[in-house]
Amino acid sequence: MFEALYVEKTSTGQSATLRQVSERDMPSGDVTVRVRWSDLNYKDALAVTGRGPVVRAWPMVPGIDCAGVVEQSSNPAFTPGQEVVLNGSGAGELHWGGFAQRVRVPADWLVPLPPGLSAYHAMALGTAGFTAMLCVQALEREGVRPASDPVLVTGATGGVGSIAVMVLATLGYQVVAVTGRMAEEPYLRALGAQDVLPRAHFETTSRPLEKARWAGAVDVVGGQVLAAVCASMRPAGVVAACGLAGGMDFPATVAPFILRGVTLVGIDSVTCSQAVRLAAWQRLAALIDPAKLDTLTLRVPLAEVPQAARDLLEGRSKGRIVVDIPQ
């Protein structure tokens, strides 16, 4: 038996309770990991609260990320005692995830913990940091360089946005952060933002083309904000889109794409290959300052995840939330 946050359907919706579950009930996989840390992402918050259709198999143990130590493995790629990281791949949606003391998954969902990165800091990054890194790599791949014009980051006080600001600033980009909470401007400037803009500038219906300002952008919001960002890109600008906090709609025109040659790159952090995951995690380990990462990280015990999930969805938290799994 082990402890897990267990989500199941009820007559009024769903419940999320901390309970003892049996290893016999765990889904199949060739590697069993003793979880030390997990984290709380936007998708996890939706799964725990039931405010979004994230869970697709019932009952479920949510948690799309975790870091820990291999206990058992029938795959030669991993051995007992090895530290590993799991993020995405369907954990917490179709397959029991990381809000538990144990997780059993296919070996190709895991990557070895990169040298120089602790398990705690791996979860301070989590899928948010991994997604931010994929966005940065997309901008680089499409030719956006630090010497280019400024790069915009929307949703900048959230997990993905905060780490995107930090990584881009570390690489030497001129970063402009967008937030709905201007009181957090000192926080964003401490992460490396050179300027901070209110989200309201991007929430009104934009013209097909606005003043060309940005060489690149990381958009976590979607909806009208993404449309406004695309309309204000410079010629040959690149937008990496990775979120939908502002909605699924995309009320844009083709003007930025056919008149300025703007590129819109979609970022999928769930179904990446193991090689892509490993490369991104290794780069994060090389770029991230653990002390700075600590300034944007809150630690909560597993039992407090339901409340932390509500706080995240209602805009009462910022940065990253690491979940302390009881040992």
C-alpha atoms as a PDB file:
ATOM      1  CA  MET A   1       0.000   0.000   0.000  1.00  0.00           C
ATOM      2  CA  PHE A   2       1.079   3.577  -0.613  1.00  0.00           C
ATOM      3  CA  GLU A   3      -0.362   7.075  -0.304  1.00  0.00           C
ATOM      4  CA  ALA A   4      -1.834   8.860  -3.307  1.00  0.00           C
ATOM      5  CA  LEU A   5      -4.169  11.690  -4.227  1.00  0.00           C
ATOM      6  CA  TYR A   6      -7.051   9.690  -5.666  1.00  0.00           C
ATOM      7  CA  VAL A   7      -9.564  11.284  -8.024  1.00  0.00           C
ATOM      8  CA  GLU A   8     -12.826   9.537  -8.813  1.00  0.00           C
ATOM      9  CA  LYS A   9     -16.261  10.340 -10.187  1.00  0.00           C
ATOM     10  CA  THR A  10     -19.122  11.012  -7.789  1.00  0.00           C
ATOM     11  CA  SER A  11     -22.838  11.640  -8.183  1.00  0.00           C
ATOM     12  CA  THR A  12     -22.158  15.398  -8.116  1.00  0.00           C
ATOM     13  CA  GLY A  13     -18.990  15.478 -10.189  1.00  0.00           C
ATOM     14  CA  GLN A  14     -15.697  14.232  -8.811  1.00  0.00           C
ATOM     15  CA  SER A  15     -13.726  14.037  -5.579  1.00  0.00           C
ATOM     16  CA  ALA A  16     -10.011  14.266  -4.829  1.00  0.00           C
ATOM     17  CA  THR A  17      -8.938  12.578  -1.593  1.00  0.00           C
ATOM     18  CA  LEU A  18      -5.688  11.431  -0.055  1.00  0.00           C
ATOM     19  CA  ARG A  19      -5.886   7.688   0.554  1.00  0.00           C
ATOM     20  CA  GLN A  20      -3.954   4.434   0.711  1.00  0.00           C
ATOM     21  CA  VAL A  21      -4.005   2.511  -2.571  1.00  0.00           C
ATOM     22  CA  SER A  22      -2.623  -0.877  -3.482  1.00  0.00           C
ATOM     23  CA  GLU A  23       0.298  -1.540  -5.799  1.00  0.00           C
ATOM     24  CA  ARG A  24      -1.918  -4.247  -7.343  1.00  0.00           C
ATOM     25  CA  ASP A  25      -4.138  -1.478  -8.700  1.00  0.00           C
ATOM     26  CA  MET A  26      -1.324   0.407 -10.398  1.00  0.00           C
ATOM     27  CA  PRO A  27      -1.393   0.500 -14.219  1.00  0.00           C
ATOM     28  CA  SER A  28       1.158  -1.481 -16.201  1.00  0.00           C
ATOM     29  CA  GLY A  29       4.708  -0.341 -16.893  1.00  0.00           C
ATOM     30  CA  ASP A  30       8.206  -1.736 -16.834  1.00  0.00           C
ATOM     31  CA  VAL A  31       9.675   0.740 -14.315  1.00  0.00           C
ATOM     32  CA  THR A  32       8.447   1.486 -10.786  1.00  0.00           C
ATOM     33  CA  VAL A  33       9.665   4.743  -9.253  1.00  0.00           C
ATOM     34  CA  ARG A  34       9.608   5.832  -5.632  1.00  0.00           C
ATOM     35  CA  VAL A  35       8.483   9.432  -5.989  1.00  0.00           C
ATOM     36  CA  ARG A  36      10.269  12.110  -3.987  1.00  0.00           C
ATOM     37  CA  TRP A  37       8.894  15.306  -5.542  1.00  0.00           C
ATOM     38  CA  SER A  38       6.091  16.263  -7.891  1.00  0.00           C
ATOM     39  CA  ASP A  39       4.725  19.647  -8.954  1.00  0.00           C
ATOM     40  CA  LEU A  40       1.460  21.409  -9.724  1.00  0.00           C
ATOM     41  CA  ASN A  41       0.849  22.595 -13.281  1.00  0.00           C
ATOM     42  CA  TYR A  42      -2.210  24.288 -14.798  1.00  0.00           C
ATOM     43  CA  LYS A  43      -3.298  20.962 -16.281  1.00  0.00           C
ATOM     44  CA  ASP A  44      -2.938  19.280 -12.868  1.00  0.00           C
ATOM     45  CA  ALA A  45      -5.094  21.972 -11.291  1.00  0.00           C
ATOM     46  CA  LEU A  46      -7.825  21.327 -13.852  1.00  0.00           C
ATOM     47  CA  ALA A  47      -7.594  17.578 -13.221  1.00  0.00           C
ATOM     48  CA  VAL A  48      -7.734  17.857  -9.438  1.00  0.00           C
ATOM     49  CA  THR A  49     -10.615  20.341  -9.345  1.00  0.00           C
ATOM     50  CA  GLY A  50     -12.576  18.894 -12.268  1.00  0.00           C
ATOM     51  CA  ARG A  51     -12.709  22.290 -13.978  1.00  0.00           C
ATOM     52  CA  GLY A  52     -11.388  20.907 -17.245  1.00  0.00           C
ATOM     53  CA  PRO A  53     -11.662  17.582 -19.113  1.00  0.00           C
ATOM     54  CA  VAL A  54      -8.099  16.469 -18.360  1.00  0.00           C
ATOM     55  CA  VAL A  55      -8.748  13.067 -16.756  1.00  0.00           C
ATOM     56  CA  ARG A  56      -9.657  10.515 -19.410  1.00  0.00           C
ATOM     57  CA  ALA A  57      -9.564   7.288 -17.378  1.00  0.00           C
ATOM     58  CA  TRP A  58     -11.195   6.725 -13.990  1.00  0.00           C
ATOM     59  CA  PRO A  59     -10.269   6.507 -11.192  1.00  0.00           C
ATOM     60  CA  MET A  60      -7.056   8.528 -11.592  1.00  0.00           C
ATOM     61  CA  VAL A  61      -4.014   9.624  -9.643  1.00  0.00           C
ATOM     62  CA  PRO A  62      -3.203  13.034 -11.164  1.00  0.00           C
ATOM     63  CA  GLY A  63       0.233  14.587 -11.496  1.00  0.00           C
ATOM     64  CA  ILE A  64       1.819  14.936 -14.931  1.00  0.00           C
ATOM     65  CA  ASP A  65       5.329  15.238 -13.450  1.00  0.00           C
ATOM     66  CA  CYS A  66       7.450  13.554 -10.828  1.00  0.00           C
ATOM     67  CA  ALA A  67      11.063  12.908  -9.886  1.00  0.00           C
ATOM     68  CA  GLY A  68      12.373  10.060  -7.807  1.00  0.00           C
ATOM     69  CA  VAL A  69      14.391   6.872  -7.628  1.00  0.00           C
ATOM     70  CA  VAL A  70      13.888   3.651  -9.580  1.00  0.00           C
ATOM     71  CA  GLU A  71      12.763   0.812  -7.295  1.00  0.00           C
ATOM     72  CA  GLN A  72      12.123  -1.921  -9.864  1.00  0.00           C
ATOM     73  CA  SER A  73      12.841  -2.173 -13.582  1.00  0.00           C
ATOM     74  CA  SER A  74      12.479  -4.887 -16.200  1.00  0.00           C
ATOM     75  CA  ASN A  75      14.033  -2.583 -18.797  1.00  0.00           C
ATOM     76  CA  PRO A  76      17.838  -2.499 -19.031  1.00  0.00           C
ATOM     77  CA  ALA A  77      17.797   1.265 -19.680  1.00  0.00           C
ATOM     78  CA  PHE A  78      17.031   1.886 -15.997  1.00  0.00           C
ATOM     79  CA  THR A  79      18.381   0.261 -12.854  1.00  0.00           C
ATOM     80  CA  PRO A  80      17.269   0.333  -9.202  1.00  0.00           C
ATOM     81  CA  GLY A  81      18.673   3.341  -7.366  1.00  0.00           C
ATOM     82  CA  GLN A  82      18.833   5.528 -10.489  1.00  0.00           C
ATOM     83  CA  GLU A  83      17.332   9.022 -10.249  1.00  0.00           C
ATOM     84  CA  VAL A  84      14.808   9.778 -12.982  1.00  0.00           C
ATOM     85  CA  VAL A  85      12.349  12.428 -14.176  1.00  0.00           C
ATOM     86  CA  LEU A  86       8.895  11.938 -15.656  1.00  0.00           C
ATOM     87  CA  ASN A  87       6.927  14.677 -17.371  1.00  0.00           C
ATOM     88  CA  GLY A  88       3.887  14.452 -19.619  1.00  0.00           C
ATOM     89  CA  SER A  89       3.421  11.356 -21.814  1.00  0.00           C
ATOM     90  CA  GLY A  90      -0.144  10.886 -20.542  1.00  0.00           C
ATOM     91  CA  ALA A  91       0.672  10.624 -16.839  1.00  0.00           C
ATOM     92  CA  GLY A  92      -2.159  12.016 -14.747  1.00  0.00           C
ATOM     93  CA  GLU A  93      -4.548  11.850 -17.712  1.00  0.00           C
ATOM     94  CA  LEU A  94      -4.708   8.268 -19.001  1.00  0.00           C
ATOM     95  CA  HIS A  95      -2.171   6.676 -16.643  1.00  0.00           C
ATOM     96  CA  TRP A  96      -1.659   7.147 -12.904  1.00  0.00           C
ATOM     97  CA  GLY A  97       0.691  10.052 -12.298  1.00  0.00           C
ATOM     98  CA  GLY A  98       2.994  11.635  -9.779  1.00  0.00           C
ATOM     99  CA  PHE A  99       0.743  12.689  -6.890  1.00  0.00           C
ATOM    100  CA  ALA A 100       1.646   9.461  -5.117  1.00  0.00           C
ATOM    101  CA  GLN A 101       4.483   7.720  -3.317  1.00  0.00           C
ATOM    102  CA  ARG A 102       4.853   5.263  -6.215  1.00  0.00           C
ATOM    103  CA  VAL A 103       4.422   5.457  -9.973  1.00  0.00           C
ATOM    104  CA  ARG A 104       4.742   2.655 -12.529  1.00  0.00           C
ATOM    105  CA  VAL A 105       5.276   3.722 -16.150  1.00  0.00           C
ATOM    106  CA  PRO A 106       6.793   2.601 -19.464  1.00  0.00           C
ATOM    107  CA  ALA A 107      10.551   3.123 -19.565  1.00  0.00           C
ATOM    108  CA  ASP A 108      10.406   5.423 -22.585  1.00  0.00           C
ATOM    109  CA  TRP A 109       8.446   7.973 -20.543  1.00  0.00           C
ATOM    110  CA  LEU A 110      11.437   8.500 -18.246  1.00  0.00           C
ATOM    111  CA  VAL A 111      14.732  10.340 -18.609  1.00  0.00           C
ATOM    112  CA  PRO A 112      17.721  10.108 -16.270  1.00  0.00           C
ATOM    113  CA  LEU A 113      18.034  13.084 -13.938  1.00  0.00           C
ATOM    114  CA  PRO A 114      20.657  15.301 -15.656  1.00  0.00           C
ATOM    115  CA  PRO A 115      23.942  15.834 -13.789  1.00  0.00           C
ATOM    116  CA  GLY A 116      23.965  19.053 -11.809  1.00  0.00           C
ATOM    117  CA  LEU A 117      20.184  19.131 -11.376  1.00  0.00           C
ATOM    118  CA  SER A 118      18.601  17.964  -8.122  1.00  0.00           C
ATOM    119  CA  ALA A 119      15.284  16.101  -8.102  1.00  0.00           C
ATOM    120  CA  TYR A 120      13.746  19.046  -6.232  1.00  0.00           C
ATOM    121  CA  HIS A 121      14.869  21.577  -8.844  1.00  0.00           C
ATOM    122  CA  ALA A 122      13.758  19.247 -11.631  1.00  0.00           C
ATOM    123  CA  MET A 123      10.240  19.573 -10.236  1.00  0.00           C
ATOM    124  CA  ALA A 124      10.654  23.308  -9.653  1.00  0.00           C
ATOM    125  CA  LEU A 125      11.042  23.290 -13.443  1.00  0.00           C
ATOM    126  CA  GLY A 126       8.680  20.425 -14.295  1.00  0.00           C
ATOM    127  CA  THR A 127       6.561  20.460 -17.428  1.00  0.00           C
ATOM    128  CA  ALA A 128       6.429  24.255 -17.173  1.00  0.00           C
ATOM    129  CA  GLY A 129      10.202  24.550 -17.462  1.00  0.00           C
ATOM    130  CA  PHE A 130      10.343  21.813 -20.067  1.00  0.00           C
ATOM    131  CA  THR A 131       7.691  23.601 -22.143  1.00  0.00           C
ATOM    132  CA  ALA A 132       9.484  26.921 -21.763  1.00  0.00           C
ATOM    133  CA  MET A 133      12.674  25.288 -23.020  1.00  0.00           C
ATOM    134  CA  LEU A 134      10.866  23.835 -26.045  1.00  0.00           C
ATOM    135  CA  CYS A 135       9.562  27.344 -26.808  1.00  0.00           C
ATOM    136  CA  VAL A 136      13.040  28.846 -26.589  1.00  0.00           C
ATOM    137  CA  GLN A 137      14.430  26.110 -28.827  1.00  0.00           C
ATOM    138  CA  ALA A 138      11.652  26.793 -31.360  1.00  0.00           C
ATOM    139  CA  LEU A 139      12.575  30.492 -31.476  1.00  0.00           C
ATOM    140  CA  GLU A 140      16.240  29.598 -31.944  1.00  0.00           C
ATOM    141  CA  ARG A 141      15.454  27.040 -34.627  1.00  0.00           C
ATOM    142  CA  GLU A 142      13.478  29.658 -36.578  1.00  0.00           C
ATOM    143  CA  GLY A 143      16.315  32.183 -36.435  1.00  0.00           C
ATOM    144  CA  VAL A 144      15.415  34.471 -33.510  1.00  0.00           C
ATOM    145  CA  ARG A 145      18.674  35.545 -31.875  1.00  0.00           C
ATOM    146  CA  PRO A 146      19.578  37.662 -28.819  1.00  0.00           C
ATOM    147  CA  ALA A 147      20.663  40.470 -31.170  1.00  0.00           C
ATOM    148  CA  SER A 148      17.166  40.543 -32.698  1.00  0.00           C
ATOM    149  CA  ASP A 149      14.439  42.912 -31.545  1.00  0.00           C
ATOM    150  CA  PRO A 150      12.732  42.268 -28.186  1.00  0.00           C
ATOM    151  CA  VAL A 151      11.045  38.979 -27.401  1.00  0.00           C
ATOM    152  CA  LEU A 152       7.628  38.989 -25.729  1.00  0.00           C
ATOM    153  CA  VAL A 153       6.467  36.522 -23.056  1.00  0.00           C
ATOM    154  CA  THR A 154       2.758  36.449 -22.158  1.00  0.00           C
ATOM    155  CA  GLY A 155       1.364  34.930 -18.982  1.00  0.00           C
ATOM    156  CA  ALA A 156       4.706  35.840 -17.495  1.00  0.00           C
ATOM    157  CA  THR A 157       3.896  35.315 -13.817  1.00  0.00           C
ATOM    158  CA  GLY A 158       2.808  31.718 -14.421  1.00  0.00           C
ATOM    159  CA  GLY A 159       5.106  28.707 -14.398  1.00  0.00           C
ATOM    160  CA  VAL A 160       5.904  28.537 -18.123  1.00  0.00           C
ATOM    161  CA  GLY A 161       6.085  32.306 -18.463  1.00  0.00           C
ATOM    162  CA  SER A 162       8.335  32.834 -15.446  1.00  0.00           C
ATOM    163  CA  ILE A 163      10.850  30.237 -16.585  1.00  0.00           C
ATOM    164  CA  ALA A 164      10.704  31.463 -20.198  1.00  0.00           C
ATOM    165  CA  VAL A 165      11.579  34.967 -18.982  1.00  0.00           C
ATOM    166  CA  MET A 166      14.454  33.602 -16.915  1.00  0.00           C
ATOM    167  CA  VAL A 167      15.881  31.361 -19.656  1.00  0.00           C
ATOM    168  CA  LEU A 168      15.613  33.991 -22.411  1.00  0.00           C
ATOM    169  CA  ALA A 169      17.242  36.630 -20.197  1.00  0.00           C
ATOM    170  CA  THR A 170      20.049  34.217 -19.316  1.00  0.00           C
ATOM    171  CA  LEU A 171      20.666  33.688 -23.040  1.00  0.00           C
ATOM    172  CA  GLY A 172      20.915  37.435 -23.587  1.00  0.00           C
ATOM    173  CA  TYR A 173      17.541  38.237 -25.168  1.00  0.00           C
ATOM    174  CA  GLN A 174      15.724  41.532 -24.545  1.00  0.00           C
ATOM    175  CA  VAL A 175      12.653  40.199 -22.747  1.00  0.00           C
ATOM    176  CA  VAL A 176       9.361  42.053 -22.402  1.00  0.00           C
ATOM    177  CA  ALA A 177       6.937  40.370 -20.010  1.00  0.00           C
ATOM    178  CA  VAL A 178       3.130  40.595 -20.209  1.00  0.00           C
ATOM    179  CA  THR A 179       1.020  40.081 -17.096  1.00  0.00           C
ATOM    180  CA  GLY A 180      -2.435  40.737 -15.727  1.00  0.00           C
ATOM    181  CA  ARG A 181      -0.883  41.534 -12.356  1.00  0.00           C
ATOM    182  CA  MET A 182       1.277  44.640 -12.712  1.00  0.00           C
ATOM    183  CA  ALA A 183       1.996  44.529  -8.971  1.00  0.00           C
ATOM    184  CA  GLU A 184       4.332  41.654  -9.870  1.00  0.00           C
ATOM    185  CA  GLU A 185       6.575  43.881 -12.024  1.00  0.00           C
ATOM    186  CA  PRO A 186       9.488  43.730  -9.501  1.00  0.00           C
ATOM    187  CA  TYR A 187       9.263  39.919  -9.548  1.00  0.00           C
ATOM    188  CA  LEU A 188       9.434  39.813 -13.359  1.00  0.00           C
ATOM    189  CA  ARG A 189      12.291  42.296 -13.543  1.00  0.00           C
ATOM    190  CA  ALA A 190      14.208  40.198 -11.007  1.00  0.00           C
ATOM    191  CA  LEU A 191      13.817  37.218 -13.385  1.00  0.00           C
ATOM    192  CA  GLY A 192      15.367  39.273 -16.188  1.00  0.00           C
ATOM    193  CA  ALA A 193      12.507  41.141 -17.909  1.00  0.00           C
ATOM    194  CA  GLN A 194      13.665  44.504 -19.253  1.00  0.00           C
ATOM    195  CA  ASP A 195      10.115  45.822 -19.496  1.00  0.00           C
ATOM    196  CA  VAL A 196       6.668  44.742 -18.265  1.00  0.00           C
ATOM    197  CA  LEU A 197       3.373  45.430 -20.043  1.00  0.00           C
ATOM    198  CA  PRO A 198      -0.207  45.009 -18.796  1.00  0.00           C
ATOM    199  CA  ARG A 199      -2.165  42.175 -20.383  1.00  0.00           C
ATOM    200  CA  ALA A 200      -5.016  44.605 -21.080  1.00  0.00           C
ATOM    201  CA  HIS A 201      -2.996  45.968 -24.025  1.00  0.00           C
ATOM    202  CA  PHE A 202      -3.463  42.607 -25.750  1.00  0.00           C
ATOM    203  CA  GLU A 203      -7.007  41.725 -24.679  1.00  0.00           C
ATOM    204  CA  THR A 204      -8.942  44.126 -26.895  1.00  0.00           C
ATOM    205  CA  THR A 205      -9.797  43.154 -30.462  1.00  0.00           C
ATOM    206  CA  SER A 206      -6.744  43.911 -32.574  1.00  0.00           C
ATOM    207  CA  ARG A 207      -6.507  45.144 -36.124  1.00  0.00           C
ATOM    208  CA  PRO A 208      -5.244  42.639 -38.703  1.00  0.00           C
ATOM    209  CA  LEU A 209      -1.813  44.261 -38.338  1.00  0.00           C
ATOM    210  CA  GLU A 210      -0.573  46.343 -35.425  1.00  0.00           C
ATOM    211  CA  LYS A 211       2.706  48.217 -35.040  1.00  0.00           C
ATOM    212  CA  ALA A 212       5.537  45.730 -35.648  1.00  0.00           C
ATOM    213  CA  ARG A 213       7.431  45.367 -32.375  1.00  0.00           C
ATOM    214  CA  TRP A 214       8.548  41.815 -31.539  1.00  0.00           C
ATOM    215  CA  ALA A 215      11.109  39.506 -33.142  1.00  0.00           C
ATOM    216  CA  GLY A 216       9.813  36.544 -31.169  1.00  0.00           C
ATOM    217  CA  ALA A 217       7.182  35.641 -28.622  1.00  0.00           C
ATOM    218  CA  VAL A 218       6.309  32.889 -26.182  1.00  0.00           C
ATOM    219  CA  ASP A 219       2.536  32.801 -25.704  1.00  0.00           C
ATOM    220  CA  VAL A 220       0.997  30.897 -22.816  1.00  0.00           C
ATOM    221  CA  VAL A 221      -2.441  32.522 -22.998  1.00  0.00           C
ATOM    222  CA  GLY A 222      -3.964  31.852 -26.407  1.00  0.00           C
ATOM    223  CA  GLY A 223      -7.272  33.416 -27.442  1.00  0.00           C
ATOM    224  CA  GLN A 224      -7.385  37.147 -28.159  1.00  0.00           C
ATOM    225  CA  VAL A 225      -3.966  37.667 -26.592  1.00  0.00           C
ATOM    226  CA  LEU A 226      -2.328  35.303 -29.089  1.00  0.00           C
ATOM    227  CA  ALA A 227      -4.134  37.028 -31.968  1.00  0.00           C
ATOM    228  CA  ALA A 228      -2.889  40.436 -30.796  1.00  0.00           C
ATOM    229  CA  VAL A 229       0.647  39.119 -30.383  1.00  0.00           C
ATOM    230  CA  CYS A 230       0.672  37.744 -33.945  1.00  0.00           C
ATOM    231  CA  ALA A 231      -0.617  41.077 -35.277  1.00  0.00           C
ATOM    232  CA  SER A 232       2.268  42.970 -33.632  1.00  0.00           C
ATOM    233  CA  MET A 233       5.164  40.744 -34.755  1.00  0.00           C
ATOM    234  CA  ARG A 234       7.960  42.154 -36.878  1.00  0.00           C
ATOM    235  CA  PRO A 235       8.520  40.755 -40.403  1.00  0.00           C
ATOM    236  CA  ALA A 236       9.715  37.130 -40.159  1.00  0.00           C
ATOM    237  CA  GLY A 237       8.837  37.127 -36.464  1.00  0.00           C
ATOM    238  CA  VAL A 238       8.219  33.844 -34.656  1.00  0.00           C
ATOM    239  CA  VAL A 239       5.554  32.997 -32.078  1.00  0.00           C
ATOM    240  CA  ALA A 240       5.797  29.828 -29.989  1.00  0.00           C
ATOM    241  CA  ALA A 241       2.287  29.009 -28.718  1.00  0.00           C
ATOM    242  CA  CYS A 242       2.021  26.600 -25.798  1.00  0.00           C
ATOM    243  CA  GLY A 243      -1.015  27.481 -23.681  1.00  0.00           C
ATOM    244  CA  LEU A 244      -4.720  28.263 -23.528  1.00  0.00           C
ATOM    245  CA  ALA A 245      -5.229  30.063 -20.242  1.00  0.00           C
ATOM    246  CA  GLY A 246      -7.145  32.735 -22.173  1.00  0.00           C
ATOM    247  CA  GLY A 247      -9.230  30.326 -24.206  1.00  0.00           C
ATOM    248  CA  MET A 248      -9.165  27.937 -27.146  1.00  0.00           C
ATOM    249  CA  ASP A 249     -10.349  30.458 -29.751  1.00  0.00           C
ATOM    250  CA  PHE A 250      -7.926  32.188 -32.100  1.00  0.00           C
ATOM    251  CA  PRO A 251      -9.720  35.302 -33.460  1.00  0.00           C
ATOM    252  CA  ALA A 252      -6.995  36.305 -35.920  1.00  0.00           C
ATOM    253  CA  THR A 253      -6.604  36.989 -39.625  1.00  0.00           C
ATOM    254  CA  VAL A 254      -4.053  35.644 -42.087  1.00  0.00           C
ATOM    255  CA  ALA A 255      -2.511  39.132 -42.467  1.00  0.00           C
ATOM    256  CA  PRO A 256       0.517  38.611 -40.166  1.00  0.00           C
ATOM    257  CA  PHE A 257       1.381  35.369 -41.940  1.00  0.00           C
ATOM    258  CA  ILE A 258       1.047  36.478 -45.569  1.00  0.00           C
ATOM    259  CA  LEU A 259       2.095  40.142 -45.250  1.00  0.00           C
ATOM    260  CA  ARG A 260       4.884  39.876 -42.672  1.00  0.00           C
ATOM    261  CA  GLY A 261       5.889  36.240 -42.971  1.00  0.00           C
ATOM    262  CA  VAL A 262       5.182  35.543 -39.315  1.00  0.00           C
ATOM    263  CA  THR A 263       5.661  31.944 -38.190  1.00  0.00           C
ATOM    264  CA  LEU A 264       3.359  30.405 -35.568  1.00  0.00           C
ATOM    265  CA  VAL A 265       4.928  27.325 -33.981  1.00  0.00           C
ATOM    266  CA  GLY A 266       2.824  24.999 -31.852  1.00  0.00           C
ATOM    267  CA  ILE A 267       4.542  23.476 -28.815  1.00  0.00           C
ATOM    268  CA  ASP A 268       3.519  19.997 -27.655  1.00  0.00           C
ATOM    269  CA  SER A 269       5.188  18.966 -24.408  1.00  0.00           C
ATOM    270  CA  VAL A 270       3.201  15.728 -23.958  1.00  0.00           C
ATOM    271  CA  THR A 271       4.131  13.405 -26.834  1.00  0.00           C
ATOM    272  CA  CYS A 272       7.799  14.343 -27.331  1.00  0.00           C
ATOM    273  CA  SER A 273      10.313  11.600 -28.006  1.00  0.00           C
ATOM    274  CA  GLN A 274      12.657  10.514 -25.258  1.00  0.00           C
ATOM    275  CA  ALA A 275      15.595  12.074 -27.179  1.00  0.00           C
ATOM    276  CA  VAL A 276      13.846  15.459 -27.332  1.00  0.00           C
ATOM    277  CA  ARG A 277      13.041  15.263 -23.632  1.00  0.00           C
ATOM    278  CA  LEU A 278      16.580  14.393 -22.648  1.00  0.00           C
ATOM    279  CA  ALA A 279      18.090  17.209 -24.735  1.00  0.00           C
ATOM    280  CA  ALA A 280      15.698  19.783 -23.249  1.00  0.00           C
ATOM    281  CA  TRP A 281      16.320  18.631 -19.669  1.00  0.00           C
ATOM    282  CA  GLN A 282      20.086  18.683 -20.180  1.00  0.00           C
ATOM    283  CA  ARG A 283      19.916  22.230 -21.498  1.00  0.00           C
ATOM    284  CA  LEU A 284      17.766  23.336 -18.583  1.00  0.00           C
ATOM    285  CA  ALA A 285      20.283  21.838 -16.171  1.00  0.00           C
ATOM    286  CA  ALA A 286      23.045  23.864 -17.839  1.00  0.00           C
ATOM    287  CA  LEU A 287      21.160  27.183 -17.977  1.00  0.00           C
ATOM    288  CA  ILE A 288      19.104  27.403 -14.786  1.00  0.00           C
ATOM    289  CA  ASP A 289      20.409  29.174 -11.700  1.00  0.00           C
ATOM    290  CA  PRO A 290      19.016  27.110  -8.783  1.00  0.00           C
ATOM    291  CA  ALA A 291      19.088  30.096  -6.432  1.00  0.00           C
ATOM    292  CA  LYS A 292      17.011  32.185  -8.836  1.00  0.00           C
ATOM    293  CA  LEU A 293      14.688  29.245  -9.433  1.00  0.00           C
ATOM    294  CA  ASP A 294      14.091  29.053  -5.684  1.00  0.00           C
ATOM    295  CA  THR A 295      12.769  32.630  -5.709  1.00  0.00           C
ATOM    296  CA  LEU A 296       9.819  31.633  -7.893  1.00  0.00           C
ATOM    297  CA  THR A 297       9.054  28.303  -6.194  1.00  0.00           C
ATOM    298  CA  LEU A 298       6.528  27.459  -3.477  1.00  0.00           C
ATOM    299  CA  ARG A 299       6.608  24.076  -1.722  1.00  0.00           C
ATOM    300  CA  VAL A 300       3.366  22.422  -0.575  1.00  0.00           C
ATOM    301  CA  PRO A 301       2.693  18.987   0.981  1.00  0.00           C
ATOM    302  CA  LEU A 302       0.697  16.444  -1.022  1.00  0.00           C
ATOM    303  CA  ALA A 303      -2.307  16.886   1.278  1.00  0.00           C
ATOM    304  CA  GLU A 304      -2.579  20.575   0.324  1.00  0.00           C
ATOM    305  CA  VAL A 305      -2.626  20.032  -3.454  1.00  0.00           C
ATOM    306  CA  PRO A 306      -6.435  20.469  -3.813  1.00  0.00           C
ATOM    307  CA  GLN A 307      -6.310  23.925  -2.205  1.00  0.00           C
ATOM    308  CA  ALA A 308      -3.160  24.863  -4.147  1.00  0.00           C
ATOM    309  CA  ALA A 309      -4.947  23.816  -7.350  1.00  0.00           C
ATOM    310  CA  ARG A 310      -7.853  26.151  -6.597  1.00  0.00           C
ATOM    311  CA  ASP A 311      -5.443  28.987  -5.801  1.00  0.00           C
ATOM    312  CA  LEU A 312      -3.626  28.467  -9.098  1.00  0.00           C
ATOM    313  CA  LEU A 313      -6.804  28.523 -11.181  1.00  0.00           C
ATOM    314  CA  GLU A 314      -8.107  31.604  -9.380  1.00  0.00           C
ATOM    315  CA  GLY A 315      -4.902  33.578  -9.899  1.00  0.00           C
ATOM    316  CA  ARG A 316      -3.767  33.582  -6.282  1.00  0.00           C
ATOM    317  CA  SER A 317      -0.349  32.008  -6.967  1.00  0.00           C
ATOM    318  CA  LYS A 318       2.626  32.729  -9.172  1.00  0.00           C
ATOM    319  CA  GLY A 319       5.709  30.933 -10.395  1.00  0.00           C
ATOM    320  CA  ARG A 320       6.074  27.243  -9.633  1.00  0.00           C
ATOM    321  CA  ILE A 321       4.581  24.922  -7.013  1.00  0.00           C
ATOM    322  CA  VAL A 322       6.593  21.880  -5.929  1.00  0.00           C
ATOM    323  CA  VAL A 323       4.726  19.061  -4.204  1.00  0.00           C
ATOM    324  CA  ASP A 324       6.501  17.352  -1.298  1.00  0.00           C
ATOM    325  CA  ILE A 325       5.656  13.642  -1.432  1.00  0.00           C
ATOM    326  CA  PRO A 326       5.756  11.968   2.018  1.00  0.00           C
ATOM    327  CA  GLN A 327       8.422   9.313   2.409  1.00  0.00           C
END
